[in-house]
Amino acid sequence: MSMSGPRSAVGRGGFTRSAGAAAGRGVLLIVFALAIGILLLARALDDGGSSAQAGDASTSSAPATTGATTPTTPAATTPSTAPLPPAHDPSQVPVLVLNGREVQGVARANNEELLRLGYNGLPPGNTAAGVATTNVYYTDPAFQADAVNVAAALQIPPDRVVPLGDTNLGVDVSAAKVVVVLGQDGLGLKSG
């Protein structure tokens, strides 16, 4: 008498094929997951870590302008969580105040206030073209705290303190560590 019932998968080699196929799919999924992980890591490294530094204002820069064009308002930056470098003695901070308005005497009036507070005020001047917004620029990161103090002294909001970067104001600012540009928005201690 022979039994002619159903045969088991083991007898036909089905279990071995099934287990082998599952193991192959598992290895394929692991390789695929590793490839995605490596691509994501490479992409994060390629962007220079800018997403990790998005809150750092020291990495932000004012938009560049060329020629005698009007500088634009820098993008709003999130205040830096890193401590500012210590401020210098005001007499050690060369400050240039520029008038970007159509009102005469504004730069001189603000410069006189800074001189009264002991800052090393350079002769005030005018921008090459009208400027829409007031900004306080620092030309060297070591003078960022000084730029914040100058802005406070002239009642200019701290969010208007930005690095000069490639911003072209149409005048020579190489002697200054802090540059105040008084724009059409009327900010500044003296309105002229």
C-alpha atoms as a PDB file:
ATOM      1  CA  MET A   1       0.000   0.000   0.000  1.00  0.00           C
ATOM      2  CA  SER A   2       1.391   3.269  -0.919  1.00  0.00           C
ATOM      3  CA  MET A   3       0.355   6.586   0.381  1.00  0.00           C
ATOM      4  CA  SER A   4      -0.409   9.002  -2.296  1.00  0.00           C
ATOM      5  CA  GLY A   5      -1.232  12.019  -0.086  1.00  0.00           C
ATOM      6  CA  PRO A   6       0.192  15.471  -0.519  1.00  0.00           C
ATOM      7  CA  ARG A   7       3.905  15.680  -0.438  1.00  0.00           C
ATOM      8  CA  SER A   8       5.640  18.122   1.898  1.00  0.00           C
ATOM      9  CA  ALA A   9       7.518  21.168   0.659  1.00  0.00           C
ATOM     10  CA  VAL A  10      10.644  19.835   2.288  1.00  0.00           C
ATOM     11  CA  GLY A  11      10.586  16.778   0.111  1.00  0.00           C
ATOM     12  CA  ARG A  12      10.503  18.846  -3.074  1.00  0.00           C
ATOM     13  CA  GLY A  13      13.127  21.359  -1.932  1.00  0.00           C
ATOM     14  CA  GLY A  14      10.502  24.106  -1.616  1.00  0.00           C
ATOM     15  CA  PHE A  15      11.444  25.060   1.898  1.00  0.00           C
ATOM     16  CA  THR A  16      15.055  25.562   0.912  1.00  0.00           C
ATOM     17  CA  ARG A  17      14.090  27.680  -2.079  1.00  0.00           C
ATOM     18  CA  SER A  18      11.624  29.664   0.025  1.00  0.00           C
ATOM     19  CA  ALA A  19      14.119  30.345   2.796  1.00  0.00           C
ATOM     20  CA  GLY A  20      16.832  31.202   0.270  1.00  0.00           C
ATOM     21  CA  ALA A  21      14.555  33.637  -1.543  1.00  0.00           C
ATOM     22  CA  ALA A  22      13.564  35.303   1.736  1.00  0.00           C
ATOM     23  CA  ALA A  23      17.216  35.629   2.765  1.00  0.00           C
ATOM     24  CA  GLY A  24      18.048  37.122  -0.632  1.00  0.00           C
ATOM     25  CA  ARG A  25      15.226  39.645  -0.351  1.00  0.00           C
ATOM     26  CA  GLY A  26      16.393  40.527   3.164  1.00  0.00           C
ATOM     27  CA  VAL A  27      19.963  41.132   1.980  1.00  0.00           C
ATOM     28  CA  LEU A  28      18.647  43.200  -0.925  1.00  0.00           C
ATOM     29  CA  LEU A  29      16.550  45.352   1.436  1.00  0.00           C
ATOM     30  CA  ILE A  30      19.538  45.907   3.747  1.00  0.00           C
ATOM     31  CA  VAL A  31      21.762  46.924   0.817  1.00  0.00           C
ATOM     32  CA  PHE A  32      19.036  49.255  -0.452  1.00  0.00           C
ATOM     33  CA  ALA A  33      18.611  50.841   3.010  1.00  0.00           C
ATOM     34  CA  LEU A  34      22.382  51.320   3.327  1.00  0.00           C
ATOM     35  CA  ALA A  35      22.536  52.947  -0.117  1.00  0.00           C
ATOM     36  CA  ILE A  36      19.780  55.397   0.823  1.00  0.00           C
ATOM     37  CA  GLY A  37      21.528  56.159   4.119  1.00  0.00           C
ATOM     38  CA  ILE A  38      24.836  56.813   2.364  1.00  0.00           C
ATOM     39  CA  LEU A  39      23.163  59.088  -0.198  1.00  0.00           C
ATOM     40  CA  LEU A  40      21.411  61.082   2.514  1.00  0.00           C
ATOM     41  CA  LEU A  41      24.622  61.412   4.500  1.00  0.00           C
ATOM     42  CA  ALA A  42      26.557  62.506   1.413  1.00  0.00           C
ATOM     43  CA  ARG A  43      23.882  65.081   0.596  1.00  0.00           C
ATOM     44  CA  ALA A  44      24.006  66.466   4.154  1.00  0.00           C
ATOM     45  CA  LEU A  45      27.787  66.772   3.938  1.00  0.00           C
ATOM     46  CA  ASP A  46      27.662  68.387   0.479  1.00  0.00           C
ATOM     47  CA  ASP A  47      25.469  71.281   1.637  1.00  0.00           C
ATOM     48  CA  GLY A  48      28.247  72.314   4.008  1.00  0.00           C
ATOM     49  CA  GLY A  49      26.067  71.695   7.025  1.00  0.00           C
ATOM     50  CA  SER A  50      24.066  74.832   6.246  1.00  0.00           C
ATOM     51  CA  SER A  51      20.927  73.265   7.632  1.00  0.00           C
ATOM     52  CA  ALA A  52      22.695  72.700  10.925  1.00  0.00           C
ATOM     53  CA  GLN A  53      23.943  76.297  10.947  1.00  0.00           C
ATOM     54  CA  ALA A  54      20.749  77.990   9.810  1.00  0.00           C
ATOM     55  CA  GLY A  55      20.315  79.680  13.177  1.00  0.00           C
ATOM     56  CA  ASP A  56      23.819  81.116  13.236  1.00  0.00           C
ATOM     57  CA  ALA A  57      23.716  84.754  12.179  1.00  0.00           C
ATOM     58  CA  SER A  58      27.452  84.834  11.670  1.00  0.00           C
ATOM     59  CA  THR A  59      27.035  82.639   8.610  1.00  0.00           C
ATOM     60  CA  SER A  60      24.522  84.912   7.036  1.00  0.00           C
ATOM     61  CA  SER A  61      25.685  87.604   4.727  1.00  0.00           C
ATOM     62  CA  ALA A  62      24.101  90.653   3.244  1.00  0.00           C
ATOM     63  CA  PRO A  63      23.127  90.343  -0.406  1.00  0.00           C
ATOM     64  CA  ALA A  64      25.809  91.476  -2.793  1.00  0.00           C
ATOM     65  CA  THR A  65      25.296  94.451  -5.032  1.00  0.00           C
ATOM     66  CA  THR A  66      27.465  95.772  -7.806  1.00  0.00           C
ATOM     67  CA  GLY A  67      28.302  99.211  -9.075  1.00  0.00           C
ATOM     68  CA  ALA A  68      26.262 102.119  -7.733  1.00  0.00           C
ATOM     69  CA  THR A  69      23.145 100.084  -7.150  1.00  0.00           C
ATOM     70  CA  THR A  70      21.110 100.443  -4.019  1.00  0.00           C
ATOM     71  CA  PRO A  71      21.936  97.847  -1.348  1.00  0.00           C
ATOM     72  CA  THR A  72      18.982  95.675  -0.472  1.00  0.00           C
ATOM     73  CA  THR A  73      17.723  94.731   2.954  1.00  0.00           C
ATOM     74  CA  PRO A  74      19.475  91.612   4.223  1.00  0.00           C
ATOM     75  CA  ALA A  75      17.252  88.622   4.815  1.00  0.00           C
ATOM     76  CA  ALA A  76      15.997  88.407   8.357  1.00  0.00           C
ATOM     77  CA  THR A  77      18.390  86.337  10.385  1.00  0.00           C
ATOM     78  CA  THR A  78      17.798  84.351  13.481  1.00  0.00           C
ATOM     79  CA  PRO A  79      19.863  85.642  16.400  1.00  0.00           C
ATOM     80  CA  SER A  80      22.978  83.606  16.977  1.00  0.00           C
ATOM     81  CA  THR A  81      23.017  81.239  19.901  1.00  0.00           C
ATOM     82  CA  ALA A  82      26.807  81.518  20.058  1.00  0.00           C
ATOM     83  CA  PRO A  83      28.135  84.260  22.321  1.00  0.00           C
ATOM     84  CA  LEU A  84      29.400  87.396  20.617  1.00  0.00           C
ATOM     85  CA  PRO A  85      33.081  88.231  20.829  1.00  0.00           C
ATOM     86  CA  PRO A  86      33.731  90.823  23.537  1.00  0.00           C
ATOM     87  CA  ALA A  87      33.182  94.441  22.566  1.00  0.00           C
ATOM     88  CA  HIS A  88      36.189  96.703  22.234  1.00  0.00           C
ATOM     89  CA  ASP A  89      36.704 100.016  23.976  1.00  0.00           C
ATOM     90  CA  PRO A  90      34.680 102.520  21.865  1.00  0.00           C
ATOM     91  CA  SER A  91      37.825 104.533  21.111  1.00  0.00           C
ATOM     92  CA  GLN A  92      39.231 101.428  19.375  1.00  0.00           C
ATOM     93  CA  VAL A  93      36.227 101.050  17.057  1.00  0.00           C
ATOM     94  CA  PRO A  94      36.471 102.997  13.767  1.00  0.00           C
ATOM     95  CA  VAL A  95      32.862 103.802  12.798  1.00  0.00           C
ATOM     96  CA  LEU A  96      31.781 105.252   9.461  1.00  0.00           C
ATOM     97  CA  VAL A  97      28.297 106.768   9.247  1.00  0.00           C
ATOM     98  CA  LEU A  98      26.837 107.109   5.754  1.00  0.00           C
ATOM     99  CA  ASN A  99      23.722 109.006   4.718  1.00  0.00           C
ATOM    100  CA  GLY A 100      21.585 107.034   2.269  1.00  0.00           C
ATOM    101  CA  ARG A 101      18.655 109.466   2.544  1.00  0.00           C
ATOM    102  CA  GLU A 102      17.730 112.595   0.686  1.00  0.00           C
ATOM    103  CA  VAL A 103      17.888 114.585   3.959  1.00  0.00           C
ATOM    104  CA  GLN A 104      21.144 116.473   4.533  1.00  0.00           C
ATOM    105  CA  GLY A 105      23.009 116.315   7.839  1.00  0.00           C
ATOM    106  CA  VAL A 106      21.715 112.915   8.992  1.00  0.00           C
ATOM    107  CA  ALA A 107      25.112 111.186   8.928  1.00  0.00           C
ATOM    108  CA  ARG A 108      26.805 114.114  10.679  1.00  0.00           C
ATOM    109  CA  ALA A 109      24.193 114.198  13.469  1.00  0.00           C
ATOM    110  CA  ASN A 110      24.471 110.447  14.133  1.00  0.00           C
ATOM    111  CA  ASN A 111      28.269 110.604  13.918  1.00  0.00           C
ATOM    112  CA  GLU A 112      28.346 113.404  16.505  1.00  0.00           C
ATOM    113  CA  GLU A 113      26.362 111.230  18.920  1.00  0.00           C
ATOM    114  CA  LEU A 114      28.852 108.387  18.462  1.00  0.00           C
ATOM    115  CA  LEU A 115      31.767 110.783  19.018  1.00  0.00           C
ATOM    116  CA  ARG A 116      30.083 111.965  22.230  1.00  0.00           C
ATOM    117  CA  LEU A 117      29.964 108.311  23.356  1.00  0.00           C
ATOM    118  CA  GLY A 118      33.702 107.926  22.716  1.00  0.00           C
ATOM    119  CA  TYR A 119      33.671 106.064  19.399  1.00  0.00           C
ATOM    120  CA  ASN A 120      36.425 106.591  16.846  1.00  0.00           C
ATOM    121  CA  GLY A 121      34.177 108.314  14.328  1.00  0.00           C
ATOM    122  CA  LEU A 122      35.509 108.579  10.800  1.00  0.00           C
ATOM    123  CA  PRO A 123      34.369 111.571   8.710  1.00  0.00           C
ATOM    124  CA  PRO A 124      30.703 110.923   7.795  1.00  0.00           C
ATOM    125  CA  GLY A 125      29.662 110.668   4.166  1.00  0.00           C
ATOM    126  CA  ASN A 126      26.959 109.694   1.714  1.00  0.00           C
ATOM    127  CA  THR A 127      26.234 106.470  -0.117  1.00  0.00           C
ATOM    128  CA  ALA A 128      26.584 106.527  -3.898  1.00  0.00           C
ATOM    129  CA  ALA A 129      22.830 105.985  -4.281  1.00  0.00           C
ATOM    130  CA  GLY A 130      19.741 106.198  -2.094  1.00  0.00           C
ATOM    131  CA  VAL A 131      19.245 103.330   0.336  1.00  0.00           C
ATOM    132  CA  ALA A 132      15.826 102.049   1.380  1.00  0.00           C
ATOM    133  CA  THR A 133      16.678 100.518   4.754  1.00  0.00           C
ATOM    134  CA  THR A 134      19.003 101.377   7.604  1.00  0.00           C
ATOM    135  CA  ASN A 135      21.653  98.788   8.467  1.00  0.00           C
ATOM    136  CA  VAL A 136      24.677  98.592  10.732  1.00  0.00           C
ATOM    137  CA  TYR A 137      27.404  96.515   9.116  1.00  0.00           C
ATOM    138  CA  TYR A 138      30.494  95.013  10.702  1.00  0.00           C
ATOM    139  CA  THR A 139      33.468  94.458   8.422  1.00  0.00           C
ATOM    140  CA  ASP A 140      35.224  92.030  10.780  1.00  0.00           C
ATOM    141  CA  PRO A 141      33.450  89.352  12.872  1.00  0.00           C
ATOM    142  CA  ALA A 142      35.555  90.413  15.878  1.00  0.00           C
ATOM    143  CA  PHE A 143      33.608  93.715  15.839  1.00  0.00           C
ATOM    144  CA  GLN A 144      30.086  92.224  15.743  1.00  0.00           C
ATOM    145  CA  ALA A 145      29.418  93.108  19.402  1.00  0.00           C
ATOM    146  CA  ASP A 146      30.615  96.658  18.706  1.00  0.00           C
ATOM    147  CA  ALA A 147      28.183  96.919  15.786  1.00  0.00           C
ATOM    148  CA  VAL A 148      25.378  95.789  18.108  1.00  0.00           C
ATOM    149  CA  ASN A 149      26.410  98.476  20.633  1.00  0.00           C
ATOM    150  CA  VAL A 150      26.535 101.181  17.934  1.00  0.00           C
ATOM    151  CA  ALA A 151      23.078 100.150  16.728  1.00  0.00           C
ATOM    152  CA  ALA A 152      21.741 100.371  20.297  1.00  0.00           C
ATOM    153  CA  ALA A 153      23.325 103.799  20.787  1.00  0.00           C
ATOM    154  CA  LEU A 154      21.559 105.055  17.641  1.00  0.00           C
ATOM    155  CA  GLN A 155      18.283 103.273  18.487  1.00  0.00           C
ATOM    156  CA  ILE A 156      18.550 100.976  15.487  1.00  0.00           C
ATOM    157  CA  PRO A 157      16.999  97.506  16.029  1.00  0.00           C
ATOM    158  CA  PRO A 158      19.543  94.703  16.571  1.00  0.00           C
ATOM    159  CA  ASP A 159      18.136  92.704  13.643  1.00  0.00           C
ATOM    160  CA  ARG A 160      19.602  95.404  11.373  1.00  0.00           C
ATOM    161  CA  VAL A 161      23.161  94.461  12.416  1.00  0.00           C
ATOM    162  CA  VAL A 162      24.653  92.306   9.650  1.00  0.00           C
ATOM    163  CA  PRO A 163      28.070  91.444   8.198  1.00  0.00           C
ATOM    164  CA  LEU A 164      29.144  93.677   5.321  1.00  0.00           C
ATOM    165  CA  GLY A 165      30.183  90.722   3.175  1.00  0.00           C
ATOM    166  CA  ASP A 166      30.222  91.675  -0.508  1.00  0.00           C
ATOM    167  CA  THR A 167      27.786  94.573  -0.123  1.00  0.00           C
ATOM    168  CA  ASN A 168      28.979  97.478  -2.256  1.00  0.00           C
ATOM    169  CA  LEU A 169      28.008 100.835  -0.799  1.00  0.00           C
ATOM    170  CA  GLY A 170      29.738 102.791  -3.574  1.00  0.00           C
ATOM    171  CA  VAL A 171      32.242 104.351  -1.146  1.00  0.00           C
ATOM    172  CA  ASP A 172      35.508 103.208   0.428  1.00  0.00           C
ATOM    173  CA  VAL A 173      34.773 101.618   3.807  1.00  0.00           C
ATOM    174  CA  SER A 174      38.161  99.929   4.284  1.00  0.00           C
ATOM    175  CA  ALA A 175      39.124 102.084   7.304  1.00  0.00           C
ATOM    176  CA  ALA A 176      35.957 101.194   9.225  1.00  0.00           C
ATOM    177  CA  LYS A 177      35.186  98.204  11.425  1.00  0.00           C
ATOM    178  CA  VAL A 178      31.531  99.300  11.774  1.00  0.00           C
ATOM    179  CA  VAL A 179      29.556 101.047   9.021  1.00  0.00           C
ATOM    180  CA  VAL A 180      26.189 102.671   9.715  1.00  0.00           C
ATOM    181  CA  VAL A 181      24.060 103.236   6.611  1.00  0.00           C
ATOM    182  CA  LEU A 182      21.054 105.443   7.351  1.00  0.00           C
ATOM    183  CA  GLY A 183      18.293 104.588   4.899  1.00  0.00           C
ATOM    184  CA  GLN A 184      15.005 106.085   3.793  1.00  0.00           C
ATOM    185  CA  ASP A 185      13.171 104.207   6.571  1.00  0.00           C
ATOM    186  CA  GLY A 186      14.186 106.992   8.983  1.00  0.00           C
ATOM    187  CA  LEU A 187      15.882 104.815  11.603  1.00  0.00           C
ATOM    188  CA  GLY A 188      18.733 106.280  13.587  1.00  0.00           C
ATOM    189  CA  LEU A 189      18.995 108.510  16.626  1.00  0.00           C
ATOM    190  CA  LYS A 190      18.947 111.762  14.701  1.00  0.00           C
ATOM    191  CA  SER A 191      16.678 112.331  11.745  1.00  0.00           C
ATOM    192  CA  GLY A 192      18.592 115.365  10.515  1.00  0.00           C
END
